[in-house]
Amino acid sequence: MATAKGKSVAAPPKKAARKVRVLVGKPGLDGHDRGAKIIARALRDAGVEVIYTGLHQTPEMIVSAAAQEDVDGIGLSILSGAHNYLFPRIIELLREKKMGDVVLFGGGIIPDDDIPKLLKKGVDRVFTPGTPIQQIVDYVNERIRPRK
């Protein structure tokens, strides 16, 4: 690129595409977070920007953090049996905040009979115990894109 005086100047650098941002949440009273931390680390190692909320988060706290962090997806780890309340509540809160395009997925101890009901309510994907970590990483890389 040339200036008015004819000197050559480098073109401004192109803005790099934003990384996918995923919030990993542990809602409810369940205190077992090893699996959530393993998934968070695997996603981070795969180039995803990960925000981990820590233990004992309410749906309101998770959605508030998701809004503040401008995430593209939310992954929940639920081992407490409260999945039929927690997933739909988070979907409801996302819609209230006009964040219905945030992809919600999760896993944990979720009975097979409950999975179709959760998918019908808007959960994008449910992973059960024994799912290979790479399958979850591949899902995130293929399904979730930056929202802006």
Protein backbone atom coordinates (compact mmCIF):
# COMPACT_ATOMS: atom_id res chain seq x y z
CA MET A 1 0.00 0.00 0.00
CA ALA A 2 1.39 3.45 -0.91
CA THR A 3 0.95 6.74 0.93
CA ALA A 4 0.33 10.18 -0.60
CA LYS A 5 4.10 10.75 -0.63
CA GLY A 6 4.66 7.51 -2.51
CA LYS A 7 6.21 5.62 0.38
CA SER A 8 5.20 2.02 0.83
CA VAL A 9 3.32 1.15 4.00
CA ALA A 10 2.22 -2.29 5.13
CA ALA A 11 -1.51 -2.96 4.91
CA PRO A 12 -3.25 -3.07 8.28
CA PRO A 13 -3.43 -6.61 9.64
CA LYS A 14 -6.69 -8.45 9.11
CA LYS A 15 -8.67 -9.09 12.25
CA ALA A 16 -8.36 -12.72 13.31
CA ALA A 17 -11.57 -14.69 13.58
CA ARG A 18 -12.81 -14.94 17.14
CA LYS A 19 -12.41 -18.29 18.83
CA VAL A 20 -15.47 -20.24 19.81
CA ARG A 21 -16.32 -19.50 23.46
CA VAL A 22 -17.92 -22.19 25.60
CA LEU A 23 -19.00 -21.92 29.20
CA VAL A 24 -18.72 -25.15 31.18
CA GLY A 25 -21.11 -25.12 34.12
CA LYS A 26 -21.82 -27.26 37.17
CA PRO A 27 -25.36 -26.36 38.22
CA GLY A 28 -27.03 -27.43 41.41
CA LEU A 29 -25.73 -29.08 44.54
CA ASP A 30 -23.60 -31.73 42.87
CA GLY A 31 -20.00 -31.38 44.04
CA HIS A 32 -18.32 -33.72 41.58
CA ASP A 33 -16.52 -31.63 38.99
CA ARG A 34 -13.72 -33.86 37.72
CA GLY A 35 -15.54 -34.67 34.46
CA ALA A 36 -16.39 -31.01 33.82
CA LYS A 37 -12.75 -30.04 34.35
CA ILE A 38 -11.54 -32.78 32.02
CA ILE A 39 -13.94 -31.60 29.29
CA ALA A 40 -12.98 -27.97 29.86
CA ARG A 41 -9.29 -28.83 29.49
CA ALA A 42 -9.88 -30.96 26.38
CA LEU A 43 -11.85 -28.14 24.73
CA ARG A 44 -9.18 -25.61 25.68
CA ASP A 45 -6.47 -27.87 24.24
CA ALA A 46 -8.51 -28.06 21.01
CA GLY A 47 -8.45 -24.26 20.66
CA VAL A 48 -11.80 -23.40 22.24
CA GLU A 49 -11.92 -20.51 24.68
CA VAL A 50 -13.41 -22.03 27.85
CA ILE A 51 -15.01 -20.31 30.82
CA TYR A 52 -15.51 -22.64 33.80
CA THR A 53 -18.04 -21.43 36.37
CA GLY A 54 -17.09 -23.68 39.25
CA LEU A 55 -19.37 -25.68 41.51
CA HIS A 56 -22.86 -25.03 42.86
CA GLN A 57 -24.08 -22.57 40.23
CA THR A 58 -27.73 -21.65 39.84
CA PRO A 59 -29.23 -21.47 36.35
CA GLU A 60 -29.39 -17.69 36.79
CA MET A 61 -25.68 -17.53 37.63
CA ILE A 62 -24.79 -19.67 34.60
CA VAL A 63 -26.84 -17.59 32.16
CA SER A 64 -25.55 -14.34 33.68
CA ALA A 65 -21.95 -15.53 33.22
CA ALA A 66 -22.78 -16.66 29.67
CA ALA A 67 -24.11 -13.19 28.85
CA GLN A 68 -21.15 -11.41 30.44
CA GLU A 69 -18.66 -13.65 28.64
CA ASP A 70 -20.53 -13.52 25.30
CA VAL A 71 -20.36 -17.29 24.87
CA ASP A 72 -21.40 -19.30 21.85
CA GLY A 73 -22.22 -22.46 23.75
CA ILE A 74 -22.92 -23.75 27.23
CA GLY A 75 -21.96 -27.23 28.35
CA LEU A 76 -23.46 -28.52 31.59
CA SER A 77 -22.30 -31.40 33.73
CA ILE A 78 -25.18 -32.76 35.81
CA LEU A 79 -24.81 -35.76 38.06
CA SER A 80 -27.48 -34.84 40.62
CA GLY A 81 -30.62 -36.04 38.85
CA ALA A 82 -31.95 -32.49 38.48
CA HIS A 83 -31.45 -32.39 34.71
CA ASN A 84 -35.20 -32.21 33.97
CA TYR A 85 -35.34 -28.91 35.86
CA LEU A 86 -31.89 -27.41 35.18
CA PHE A 87 -31.68 -27.76 31.39
CA PRO A 88 -35.18 -26.32 30.70
CA ARG A 89 -34.64 -23.50 33.20
CA ILE A 90 -31.40 -22.47 31.49
CA ILE A 91 -33.12 -22.58 28.09
CA GLU A 92 -35.91 -20.38 29.47
CA LEU A 93 -33.41 -17.86 30.87
CA LEU A 94 -31.40 -17.80 27.62
CA ARG A 95 -34.57 -17.00 25.68
CA GLU A 96 -35.51 -14.27 28.15
CA LYS A 97 -32.10 -12.65 27.58
CA LYS A 98 -32.47 -12.94 23.79
CA MET A 99 -29.66 -15.52 23.76
CA GLY A 100 -31.64 -18.37 22.23
CA ASP A 101 -28.89 -18.90 19.65
CA VAL A 102 -26.44 -20.08 22.32
CA VAL A 103 -26.01 -23.83 21.88
CA LEU A 104 -26.81 -25.77 25.06
CA PHE A 105 -25.37 -29.23 25.50
CA GLY A 106 -24.39 -31.37 28.42
CA GLY A 107 -23.82 -34.69 29.98
CA GLY A 108 -23.71 -36.68 33.14
CA ILE A 109 -25.93 -39.23 34.77
CA ILE A 110 -29.02 -38.76 32.62
CA PRO A 111 -31.38 -41.71 32.03
CA ASP A 112 -31.83 -42.70 28.40
CA ASP A 113 -35.60 -42.15 28.71
CA ASP A 114 -35.07 -38.48 29.64
CA ILE A 115 -32.77 -37.60 26.73
CA PRO A 116 -35.47 -37.30 24.01
CA LYS A 117 -37.51 -35.01 26.31
CA LEU A 118 -34.49 -32.76 26.89
CA LEU A 119 -33.74 -32.61 23.16
CA LYS A 120 -37.37 -31.69 22.45
CA LYS A 121 -37.12 -28.84 24.98
CA GLY A 122 -34.11 -27.38 23.20
CA VAL A 123 -30.99 -29.11 24.51
CA ASP A 124 -28.81 -29.63 21.44
CA ARG A 125 -26.95 -32.75 22.57
CA VAL A 126 -26.67 -34.98 25.64
CA PHE A 127 -23.57 -37.05 26.31
CA THR A 128 -23.75 -40.04 28.63
CA PRO A 129 -21.03 -41.69 30.74
CA GLY A 130 -18.40 -43.41 28.63
CA THR A 131 -18.59 -40.96 25.72
CA PRO A 132 -15.06 -40.53 24.34
CA ILE A 133 -13.69 -37.07 25.07
CA GLN A 134 -12.72 -36.64 21.41
CA GLN A 135 -16.37 -37.13 20.41
CA ILE A 136 -17.35 -34.17 22.61
CA VAL A 137 -14.50 -32.05 21.22
CA ASP A 138 -15.52 -32.95 17.66
CA TYR A 139 -19.14 -32.06 18.41
CA VAL A 140 -18.17 -28.62 19.73
CA ASN A 141 -15.83 -27.97 16.79
CA GLU A 142 -18.46 -29.01 14.24
CA ARG A 143 -21.62 -27.60 15.83
CA ILE A 144 -20.70 -24.37 17.59
CA ARG A 145 -19.66 -21.22 15.74
CA PRO A 146 -18.95 -17.70 16.98
CA ARG A 147 -22.26 -15.83 17.31
CA LYS A 148 -20.89 -12.44 16.21
